[in-house]
Amino acid sequence: MVSIPSGQPQRFGTSPRNPIYGPGYWNVDLGLFKTIFMPRGSQLQLRVEALNLFNHPNFGNPGADISNAGAFGFITNTIGVGERNVRIGARFSF
């Protein structure tokens, strides 16, 4: 809510709807799998997975509350996976 001094009429601004655009979002994940066939129908699968492969930060939307002058228009957080995560694993099926 906007604080308008007493004696002033309440009014709407001339700003269009949703005039503030946030930064874009992009993310690249990668998974590599290798299946090794073994005797008697068993298998060994080796896995490597990387989330946020290029370690790119995805910033949140800017503050849209005009009553908070300290945060309005400023980006104060990141969204998504965060830093790069790498997982290594093996799966044995028999």
PDB file of N, CA and C in Angstrom:
ATOM      1  N   MET A   1       0.841  -1.172   0.000  1.00  0.00           N
ATOM      2  CA  MET A   1       0.000   0.000   0.000  1.00  0.00           C
ATOM      3  C   MET A   1       0.886   1.234   0.000  1.00  0.00           C
ATOM      4  N   VAL A   2       0.503   2.220  -0.754  1.00  0.00           N
ATOM      5  CA  VAL A   2       1.265   3.449  -0.864  1.00  0.00           C
ATOM      6  C   VAL A   2       0.724   4.467   0.136  1.00  0.00           C
ATOM      7  N   SER A   3       1.622   5.121   0.846  1.00  0.00           N
ATOM      8  CA  SER A   3       1.219   6.146   1.805  1.00  0.00           C
ATOM      9  C   SER A   3       1.120   7.493   1.095  1.00  0.00           C
ATOM     10  N   ILE A   4      -0.094   8.012   0.990  1.00  0.00           N
ATOM     11  CA  ILE A   4      -0.320   9.326   0.383  1.00  0.00           C
ATOM     12  C   ILE A   4      -0.641  10.283   1.522  1.00  0.00           C
ATOM     13  N   PRO A   5       0.015  11.435   1.569  1.00  0.00           N
ATOM     14  CA  PRO A   5      -0.219  12.371   2.668  1.00  0.00           C
ATOM     15  C   PRO A   5      -1.700  12.733   2.805  1.00  0.00           C
ATOM     16  N   SER A   6      -2.104  13.036   4.041  1.00  0.00           N
ATOM     17  CA  SER A   6      -3.501  13.396   4.282  1.00  0.00           C
ATOM     18  C   SER A   6      -3.839  14.688   3.532  1.00  0.00           C
ATOM     19  N   GLY A   7      -5.063  14.768   3.074  1.00  0.00           N
ATOM     20  CA  GLY A   7      -5.498  15.921   2.305  1.00  0.00           C
ATOM     21  C   GLY A   7      -5.324  15.719   0.813  1.00  0.00           C
ATOM     22  N   GLN A   8      -4.501  14.757   0.413  1.00  0.00           N
ATOM     23  CA  GLN A   8      -4.294  14.457  -1.004  1.00  0.00           C
ATOM     24  C   GLN A   8      -5.304  13.382  -1.418  1.00  0.00           C
ATOM     25  N   PRO A   9      -5.878  13.484  -2.592  1.00  0.00           N
ATOM     26  CA  PRO A   9      -6.828  12.446  -3.021  1.00  0.00           C
ATOM     27  C   PRO A   9      -6.093  11.149  -3.390  1.00  0.00           C
ATOM     28  N   GLN A  10      -6.746  10.020  -3.125  1.00  0.00           N
ATOM     29  CA  GLN A  10      -6.201   8.731  -3.551  1.00  0.00           C
ATOM     30  C   GLN A  10      -6.308   8.676  -5.070  1.00  0.00           C
ATOM     31  N   ARG A  11      -5.292   8.158  -5.728  1.00  0.00           N
ATOM     32  CA  ARG A  11      -5.307   8.149  -7.187  1.00  0.00           C
ATOM     33  C   ARG A  11      -4.536   6.948  -7.712  1.00  0.00           C
ATOM     34  N   PHE A  12      -4.866   6.584  -8.924  1.00  0.00           N
ATOM     35  CA  PHE A  12      -4.145   5.532  -9.619  1.00  0.00           C
ATOM     36  C   PHE A  12      -3.059   6.175 -10.461  1.00  0.00           C
ATOM     37  N   GLY A  13      -1.971   5.449 -10.660  1.00  0.00           N
ATOM     38  CA  GLY A  13      -0.892   5.960 -11.495  1.00  0.00           C
ATOM     39  C   GLY A  13      -1.169   5.701 -12.965  1.00  0.00           C
ATOM     40  N   THR A  14      -0.218   6.049 -13.801  1.00  0.00           N
ATOM     41  CA  THR A  14      -0.364   5.858 -15.238  1.00  0.00           C
ATOM     42  C   THR A  14       0.476   4.693 -15.743  1.00  0.00           C
ATOM     43  N   SER A  15       1.020   3.928 -14.833  1.00  0.00           N
ATOM     44  CA  SER A  15       1.863   2.802 -15.222  1.00  0.00           C
ATOM     45  C   SER A  15       1.003   1.670 -15.789  1.00  0.00           C
ATOM     46  N   PRO A  16       1.447   1.021 -16.870  1.00  0.00           N
ATOM     47  CA  PRO A  16       0.689  -0.105 -17.396  1.00  0.00           C
ATOM     48  C   PRO A  16       0.818  -1.329 -16.481  1.00  0.00           C
ATOM     49  N   ARG A  17       0.037  -2.344 -16.760  1.00  0.00           N
ATOM     50  CA  ARG A  17       0.087  -3.561 -15.959  1.00  0.00           C
ATOM     51  C   ARG A  17       1.396  -4.305 -16.224  1.00  0.00           C
ATOM     52  N   ASN A  18       2.013  -4.808 -15.155  1.00  0.00           N
ATOM     53  CA  ASN A  18       3.261  -5.574 -15.211  1.00  0.00           C
ATOM     54  C   ASN A  18       4.373  -4.862 -15.996  1.00  0.00           C
ATOM     55  N   PRO A  19       4.769  -3.658 -15.595  1.00  0.00           N
ATOM     56  CA  PRO A  19       5.776  -2.926 -16.362  1.00  0.00           C
ATOM     57  C   PRO A  19       7.213  -3.356 -16.044  1.00  0.00           C
ATOM     58  N   ILE A  20       7.409  -4.137 -14.985  1.00  0.00           N
ATOM     59  CA  ILE A  20       8.763  -4.519 -14.582  1.00  0.00           C
ATOM     60  C   ILE A  20       9.035  -5.942 -15.042  1.00  0.00           C
ATOM     61  N   TYR A  21      10.081  -6.112 -15.820  1.00  0.00           N
ATOM     62  CA  TYR A  21      10.456  -7.430 -16.311  1.00  0.00           C
ATOM     63  C   TYR A  21      11.696  -7.907 -15.572  1.00  0.00           C
ATOM     64  N   GLY A  22      11.691  -9.183 -15.232  1.00  0.00           N
ATOM     65  CA  GLY A  22      12.840  -9.771 -14.561  1.00  0.00           C
ATOM     66  C   GLY A  22      13.826 -10.332 -15.568  1.00  0.00           C
ATOM     67  N   PRO A  23      14.961 -10.778 -15.081  1.00  0.00           N
ATOM     68  CA  PRO A  23      15.964 -11.370 -15.960  1.00  0.00           C
ATOM     69  C   PRO A  23      15.508 -12.737 -16.463  1.00  0.00           C
ATOM     70  N   GLY A  24      16.082 -13.183 -17.544  1.00  0.00           N
ATOM     71  CA  GLY A  24      15.738 -14.483 -18.116  1.00  0.00           C
ATOM     72  C   GLY A  24      16.235 -15.633 -17.248  1.00  0.00           C
ATOM     73  N   TYR A  25      15.806 -16.829 -17.603  1.00  0.00           N
ATOM     74  CA  TYR A  25      16.197 -18.033 -16.870  1.00  0.00           C
ATOM     75  C   TYR A  25      16.678 -19.059 -17.874  1.00  0.00           C
ATOM     76  N   TRP A  26      17.861 -19.604 -17.662  1.00  0.00           N
ATOM     77  CA  TRP A  26      18.312 -20.717 -18.486  1.00  0.00           C
ATOM     78  C   TRP A  26      19.186 -21.631 -17.650  1.00  0.00           C
ATOM     79  N   ASN A  27      19.108 -22.901 -17.988  1.00  0.00           N
ATOM     80  CA  ASN A  27      19.800 -23.924 -17.221  1.00  0.00           C
ATOM     81  C   ASN A  27      20.152 -25.069 -18.164  1.00  0.00           C
ATOM     82  N   VAL A  28      21.343 -25.645 -18.000  1.00  0.00           N
ATOM     83  CA  VAL A  28      21.764 -26.791 -18.803  1.00  0.00           C
ATOM     84  C   VAL A  28      22.151 -27.914 -17.851  1.00  0.00           C
ATOM     85  N   ASP A  29      21.481 -29.071 -18.013  1.00  0.00           N
ATOM     86  CA  ASP A  29      21.806 -30.265 -17.248  1.00  0.00           C
ATOM     87  C   ASP A  29      22.378 -31.298 -18.218  1.00  0.00           C
ATOM     88  N   LEU A  30      23.275 -32.155 -17.718  1.00  0.00           N
ATOM     89  CA  LEU A  30      23.911 -33.153 -18.569  1.00  0.00           C
ATOM     90  C   LEU A  30      23.953 -34.476 -17.825  1.00  0.00           C
ATOM     91  N   GLY A  31      23.651 -35.543 -18.504  1.00  0.00           N
ATOM     92  CA  GLY A  31      23.747 -36.880 -17.930  1.00  0.00           C
ATOM     93  C   GLY A  31      24.428 -37.824 -18.902  1.00  0.00           C
ATOM     94  N   LEU A  32      25.431 -38.531 -18.438  1.00  0.00           N
ATOM     95  CA  LEU A  32      26.138 -39.517 -19.254  1.00  0.00           C
ATOM     96  C   LEU A  32      25.993 -40.880 -18.587  1.00  0.00           C
ATOM     97  N   PHE A  33      25.633 -41.888 -19.386  1.00  0.00           N
ATOM     98  CA  PHE A  33      25.420 -43.236 -18.871  1.00  0.00           C
ATOM     99  C   PHE A  33      26.180 -44.222 -19.755  1.00  0.00           C
ATOM    100  N   LYS A  34      26.787 -45.204 -19.144  1.00  0.00           N
ATOM    101  CA  LYS A  34      27.469 -46.271 -19.879  1.00  0.00           C
ATOM    102  C   LYS A  34      27.021 -47.591 -19.269  1.00  0.00           C
ATOM    103  N   THR A  35      26.436 -48.466 -20.097  1.00  0.00           N
ATOM    104  CA  THR A  35      25.983 -49.771 -19.638  1.00  0.00           C
ATOM    105  C   THR A  35      26.980 -50.823 -20.107  1.00  0.00           C
ATOM    106  N   ILE A  36      27.449 -51.624 -19.165  1.00  0.00           N
ATOM    107  CA  ILE A  36      28.390 -52.699 -19.447  1.00  0.00           C
ATOM    108  C   ILE A  36      27.644 -54.011 -19.202  1.00  0.00           C
ATOM    109  N   PHE A  37      27.514 -54.817 -20.253  1.00  0.00           N
ATOM    110  CA  PHE A  37      26.834 -56.101 -20.122  1.00  0.00           C
ATOM    111  C   PHE A  37      27.813 -57.129 -19.590  1.00  0.00           C
ATOM    112  N   MET A  38      27.365 -57.901 -18.609  1.00  0.00           N
ATOM    113  CA  MET A  38      28.207 -58.881 -17.934  1.00  0.00           C
ATOM    114  C   MET A  38      27.613 -60.275 -18.144  1.00  0.00           C
ATOM    115  N   PRO A  39      28.350 -61.329 -17.741  1.00  0.00           N
ATOM    116  CA  PRO A  39      27.844 -62.696 -17.922  1.00  0.00           C
ATOM    117  C   PRO A  39      26.538 -62.932 -17.150  1.00  0.00           C
ATOM    118  N   ARG A  40      25.755 -63.923 -17.615  1.00  0.00           N
ATOM    119  CA  ARG A  40      24.505 -64.367 -16.992  1.00  0.00           C
ATOM    120  C   ARG A  40      23.425 -63.284 -16.983  1.00  0.00           C
ATOM    121  N   GLY A  41      23.456 -62.377 -17.937  1.00  0.00           N
ATOM    122  CA  GLY A  41      22.403 -61.367 -18.070  1.00  0.00           C
ATOM    123  C   GLY A  41      22.486 -60.202 -17.101  1.00  0.00           C
ATOM    124  N   SER A  42      23.538 -60.070 -16.339  1.00  0.00           N
ATOM    125  CA  SER A  42      23.664 -58.934 -15.412  1.00  0.00           C
ATOM    126  C   SER A  42      24.268 -57.732 -16.151  1.00  0.00           C
ATOM    127  N   GLN A  43      24.047 -56.578 -15.567  1.00  0.00           N
ATOM    128  CA  GLN A  43      24.524 -55.332 -16.174  1.00  0.00           C
ATOM    129  C   GLN A  43      25.113 -54.420 -15.107  1.00  0.00           C
ATOM    130  N   LEU A  44      26.088 -53.646 -15.505  1.00  0.00           N
ATOM    131  CA  LEU A  44      26.647 -52.608 -14.654  1.00  0.00           C
ATOM    132  C   LEU A  44      26.482 -51.290 -15.399  1.00  0.00           C
ATOM    133  N   GLN A  45      25.814 -50.328 -14.784  1.00  0.00           N
ATOM    134  CA  GLN A  45      25.610 -49.026 -15.417  1.00  0.00           C
ATOM    135  C   GLN A  45      26.376 -47.979 -14.620  1.00  0.00           C
ATOM    136  N   LEU A  46      27.257 -47.245 -15.306  1.00  0.00           N
ATOM    137  CA  LEU A  46      28.012 -46.153 -14.698  1.00  0.00           C
ATOM    138  C   LEU A  46      27.350 -44.848 -15.102  1.00  0.00           C
ATOM    139  N   ARG A  47      27.193 -43.926 -14.148  1.00  0.00           N
ATOM    140  CA  ARG A  47      26.456 -42.683 -14.389  1.00  0.00           C
ATOM    141  C   ARG A  47      27.259 -41.478 -13.901  1.00  0.00           C
ATOM    142  N   VAL A  48      27.166 -40.407 -14.674  1.00  0.00           N
ATOM    143  CA  VAL A  48      27.669 -39.095 -14.256  1.00  0.00           C
ATOM    144  C   VAL A  48      26.602 -38.090 -14.653  1.00  0.00           C
ATOM    145  N   GLU A  49      26.138 -37.304 -13.689  1.00  0.00           N
ATOM    146  CA  GLU A  49      25.112 -36.297 -13.947  1.00  0.00           C
ATOM    147  C   GLU A  49      25.599 -34.950 -13.424  1.00  0.00           C
ATOM    148  N   ALA A  50      25.384 -33.909 -14.209  1.00  0.00           N
ATOM    149  CA  ALA A  50      25.772 -32.555 -13.795  1.00  0.00           C
ATOM    150  C   ALA A  50      24.546 -31.648 -13.917  1.00  0.00           C
ATOM    151  N   LEU A  51      24.167 -31.014 -12.822  1.00  0.00           N
ATOM    152  CA  LEU A  51      23.069 -30.057 -12.802  1.00  0.00           C
ATOM    153  C   LEU A  51      23.670 -28.657 -12.814  1.00  0.00           C
ATOM    154  N   ASN A  52      23.099 -27.766 -13.625  1.00  0.00           N
ATOM    155  CA  ASN A  52      23.630 -26.422 -13.835  1.00  0.00           C
ATOM    156  C   ASN A  52      25.082 -26.521 -14.312  1.00  0.00           C
ATOM    157  N   LEU A  53      25.249 -27.209 -15.423  1.00  0.00           N
ATOM    158  CA  LEU A  53      26.570 -27.549 -15.954  1.00  0.00           C
ATOM    159  C   LEU A  53      27.503 -26.352 -16.088  1.00  0.00           C
ATOM    160  N   PHE A  54      27.006 -25.222 -16.565  1.00  0.00           N
ATOM    161  CA  PHE A  54      27.863 -24.054 -16.794  1.00  0.00           C
ATOM    162  C   PHE A  54      27.936 -23.120 -15.588  1.00  0.00           C
ATOM    163  N   ASN A  55      27.333 -23.519 -14.470  1.00  0.00           N
ATOM    164  CA  ASN A  55      27.380 -22.760 -13.222  1.00  0.00           C
ATOM    165  C   ASN A  55      26.888 -21.320 -13.424  1.00  0.00           C
ATOM    166  N   HIS A  56      25.792 -21.176 -14.148  1.00  0.00           N
ATOM    167  CA  HIS A  56      25.216 -19.870 -14.480  1.00  0.00           C
ATOM    168  C   HIS A  56      24.213 -19.457 -13.404  1.00  0.00           C
ATOM    169  N   PRO A  57      24.351 -18.267 -12.813  1.00  0.00           N
ATOM    170  CA  PRO A  57      23.357 -17.840 -11.819  1.00  0.00           C
ATOM    171  C   PRO A  57      22.072 -17.384 -12.503  1.00  0.00           C
ATOM    172  N   ASN A  58      20.949 -17.726 -11.913  1.00  0.00           N
ATOM    173  CA  ASN A  58      19.641 -17.267 -12.395  1.00  0.00           C
ATOM    174  C   ASN A  58      19.071 -16.356 -11.326  1.00  0.00           C
ATOM    175  N   PHE A  59      18.972 -15.088 -11.644  1.00  0.00           N
ATOM    176  CA  PHE A  59      18.531 -14.104 -10.669  1.00  0.00           C
ATOM    177  C   PHE A  59      17.014 -14.034 -10.600  1.00  0.00           C
ATOM    178  N   GLY A  60      16.496 -13.721  -9.423  1.00  0.00           N
ATOM    179  CA  GLY A  60      15.057 -13.576  -9.213  1.00  0.00           C
ATOM    180  C   GLY A  60      14.545 -12.262  -9.765  1.00  0.00           C
ATOM    181  N   ASN A  61      13.259 -12.047  -9.609  1.00  0.00           N
ATOM    182  CA  ASN A  61      12.645 -10.816 -10.084  1.00  0.00           C
ATOM    183  C   ASN A  61      12.981  -9.647  -9.167  1.00  0.00           C
ATOM    184  N   PRO A  62      13.026  -8.438  -9.708  1.00  0.00           N
ATOM    185  CA  PRO A  62      13.282  -7.271  -8.864  1.00  0.00           C
ATOM    186  C   PRO A  62      12.104  -7.010  -7.930  1.00  0.00           C
ATOM    187  N   GLY A  63      12.382  -6.341  -6.815  1.00  0.00           N
ATOM    188  CA  GLY A  63      11.332  -5.994  -5.865  1.00  0.00           C
ATOM    189  C   GLY A  63      10.282  -5.106  -6.520  1.00  0.00           C
ATOM    190  N   ALA A  64       8.992  -5.440  -6.299  1.00  0.00           N
ATOM    191  CA  ALA A  64       7.921  -4.713  -6.965  1.00  0.00           C
ATOM    192  C   ALA A  64       7.061  -3.912  -5.992  1.00  0.00           C
ATOM    193  N   ASP A  65       7.410  -3.906  -4.708  1.00  0.00           N
ATOM    194  CA  ASP A  65       6.624  -3.179  -3.701  1.00  0.00           C
ATOM    195  C   ASP A  65       7.127  -1.747  -3.622  1.00  0.00           C
ATOM    196  N   ILE A  66       6.353  -0.798  -4.147  1.00  0.00           N
ATOM    197  CA  ILE A  66       6.829   0.585  -4.187  1.00  0.00           C
ATOM    198  C   ILE A  66       6.836   1.240  -2.814  1.00  0.00           C
ATOM    199  N   SER A  67       6.211   0.597  -1.830  1.00  0.00           N
ATOM    200  CA  SER A  67       6.248   1.140  -0.471  1.00  0.00           C
ATOM    201  C   SER A  67       7.596   0.927   0.188  1.00  0.00           C
ATOM    202  N   ASN A  68       8.356  -0.054  -0.293  1.00  0.00           N
ATOM    203  CA  ASN A  68       9.664  -0.367   0.272  1.00  0.00           C
ATOM    204  C   ASN A  68      10.735   0.221  -0.638  1.00  0.00           C
ATOM    205  N   ALA A  69      11.115   1.445  -0.368  1.00  0.00           N
ATOM    206  CA  ALA A  69      12.064   2.145  -1.235  1.00  0.00           C
ATOM    207  C   ALA A  69      13.432   1.487  -1.251  1.00  0.00           C
ATOM    208  N   GLY A  70      13.794   0.769  -0.189  1.00  0.00           N
ATOM    209  CA  GLY A  70      15.107   0.129  -0.140  1.00  0.00           C
ATOM    210  C   GLY A  70      15.212  -1.099  -1.019  1.00  0.00           C
ATOM    211  N   ALA A  71      14.084  -1.711  -1.390  1.00  0.00           N
ATOM    212  CA  ALA A  71      14.119  -2.938  -2.192  1.00  0.00           C
ATOM    213  C   ALA A  71      13.456  -2.785  -3.549  1.00  0.00           C
ATOM    214  N   PHE A  72      12.729  -1.695  -3.790  1.00  0.00           N
ATOM    215  CA  PHE A  72      12.010  -1.552  -5.054  1.00  0.00           C
ATOM    216  C   PHE A  72      12.981  -1.468  -6.228  1.00  0.00           C
ATOM    217  N   GLY A  73      12.822  -2.379  -7.183  1.00  0.00           N
ATOM    218  CA  GLY A  73      13.660  -2.384  -8.377  1.00  0.00           C
ATOM    219  C   GLY A  73      14.979  -3.098  -8.218  1.00  0.00           C
ATOM    220  N   PHE A  74      15.288  -3.599  -7.031  1.00  0.00           N
ATOM    221  CA  PHE A  74      16.552  -4.292  -6.792  1.00  0.00           C
ATOM    222  C   PHE A  74      16.340  -5.799  -6.789  1.00  0.00           C
ATOM    223  N   ILE A  75      17.286  -6.530  -7.336  1.00  0.00           N
ATOM    224  CA  ILE A  75      17.256  -7.992  -7.318  1.00  0.00           C
ATOM    225  C   ILE A  75      18.053  -8.449  -6.103  1.00  0.00           C
ATOM    226  N   THR A  76      17.416  -9.222  -5.237  1.00  0.00           N
ATOM    227  CA  THR A  76      18.056  -9.605  -3.978  1.00  0.00           C
ATOM    228  C   THR A  76      18.214 -11.111  -3.796  1.00  0.00           C
ATOM    229  N   ASN A  77      17.861 -11.925  -4.806  1.00  0.00           N
ATOM    230  CA  ASN A  77      17.978 -13.373  -4.633  1.00  0.00           C
ATOM    231  C   ASN A  77      18.238 -14.070  -5.960  1.00  0.00           C
ATOM    232  N   THR A  78      18.601 -15.338  -5.858  1.00  0.00           N
ATOM    233  CA  THR A  78      18.735 -16.199  -7.034  1.00  0.00           C
ATOM    234  C   THR A  78      17.706 -17.313  -6.912  1.00  0.00           C
ATOM    235  N   ILE A  79      17.359 -17.912  -8.058  1.00  0.00           N
ATOM    236  CA  ILE A  79      16.364 -18.983  -8.074  1.00  0.00           C
ATOM    237  C   ILE A  79      16.932 -20.184  -8.809  1.00  0.00           C
ATOM    238  N   GLY A  80      16.303 -21.326  -8.653  1.00  0.00           N
ATOM    239  CA  GLY A  80      16.713 -22.521  -9.390  1.00  0.00           C
ATOM    240  C   GLY A  80      17.626 -23.411  -8.574  1.00  0.00           C
ATOM    241  N   VAL A  81      18.424 -24.183  -9.272  1.00  0.00           N
ATOM    242  CA  VAL A  81      19.283 -25.199  -8.656  1.00  0.00           C
ATOM    243  C   VAL A  81      20.362 -24.574  -7.781  1.00  0.00           C
ATOM    244  N   GLY A  82      20.914 -23.468  -8.184  1.00  0.00           N
ATOM    245  CA  GLY A  82      22.022 -22.868  -7.446  1.00  0.00           C
ATOM    246  C   GLY A  82      23.333 -23.208  -8.115  1.00  0.00           C
ATOM    247  N   GLU A  83      24.325 -23.542  -7.326  1.00  0.00           N
ATOM    248  CA  GLU A  83      25.635 -23.843  -7.882  1.00  0.00           C
ATOM    249  C   GLU A  83      25.628 -25.183  -8.610  1.00  0.00           C
ATOM    250  N   ARG A  84      26.687 -25.443  -9.354  1.00  0.00           N
ATOM    251  CA  ARG A  84      26.810 -26.702 -10.105  1.00  0.00           C
ATOM    252  C   ARG A  84      26.837 -27.883  -9.136  1.00  0.00           C
ATOM    253  N   ASN A  85      26.071 -28.926  -9.468  1.00  0.00           N
ATOM    254  CA  ASN A  85      26.052 -30.163  -8.693  1.00  0.00           C
ATOM    255  C   ASN A  85      26.426 -31.310  -9.617  1.00  0.00           C
ATOM    256  N   VAL A  86      27.375 -32.146  -9.181  1.00  0.00           N
ATOM    257  CA  VAL A  86      27.800 -33.298  -9.969  1.00  0.00           C
ATOM    258  C   VAL A  86      27.551 -34.553  -9.138  1.00  0.00           C
ATOM    259  N   ARG A  87      26.892 -35.530  -9.766  1.00  0.00           N
ATOM    260  CA  ARG A  87      26.628 -36.802  -9.106  1.00  0.00           C
ATOM    261  C   ARG A  87      27.286 -37.911  -9.905  1.00  0.00           C
ATOM    262  N   ILE A  88      27.922 -38.830  -9.200  1.00  0.00           N
ATOM    263  CA  ILE A  88      28.550 -39.992  -9.811  1.00  0.00           C
ATOM    264  C   ILE A  88      27.934 -41.225  -9.174  1.00  0.00           C
ATOM    265  N   GLY A  89      27.558 -42.194  -9.987  1.00  0.00           N
ATOM    266  CA  GLY A  89      26.931 -43.381  -9.414  1.00  0.00           C
ATOM    267  C   GLY A  89      27.134 -44.605 -10.267  1.00  0.00           C
ATOM    268  N   ALA A  90      26.811 -45.742  -9.689  1.00  0.00           N
ATOM    269  CA  ALA A  90      26.865 -47.021 -10.379  1.00  0.00           C
ATOM    270  C   ALA A  90      25.634 -47.810 -10.007  1.00  0.00           C
ATOM    271  N   ARG A  91      25.124 -48.609 -10.961  1.00  0.00           N
ATOM    272  CA  ARG A  91      23.958 -49.438 -10.735  1.00  0.00           C
ATOM    273  C   ARG A  91      24.244 -50.827 -11.283  1.00  0.00           C
ATOM    274  N   PHE A  92      24.060 -51.816 -10.434  1.00  0.00           N
ATOM    275  CA  PHE A  92      24.272 -53.205 -10.836  1.00  0.00           C
ATOM    276  C   PHE A  92      22.934 -53.907 -10.866  1.00  0.00           C
ATOM    277  N   SER A  93      22.578 -54.461 -12.009  1.00  0.00           N
ATOM    278  CA  SER A  93      21.304 -55.178 -12.171  1.00  0.00           C
ATOM    279  C   SER A  93      21.603 -56.637 -12.462  1.00  0.00           C
ATOM    280  N   PHE A  94      20.886 -57.519 -11.786  1.00  0.00           N
ATOM    281  CA  PHE A  94      21.080 -58.954 -12.032  1.00  0.00           C
ATOM    282  C   PHE A  94      19.757 -59.661 -12.112  1.00  0.00           C
TER     283      PHE A  94
END
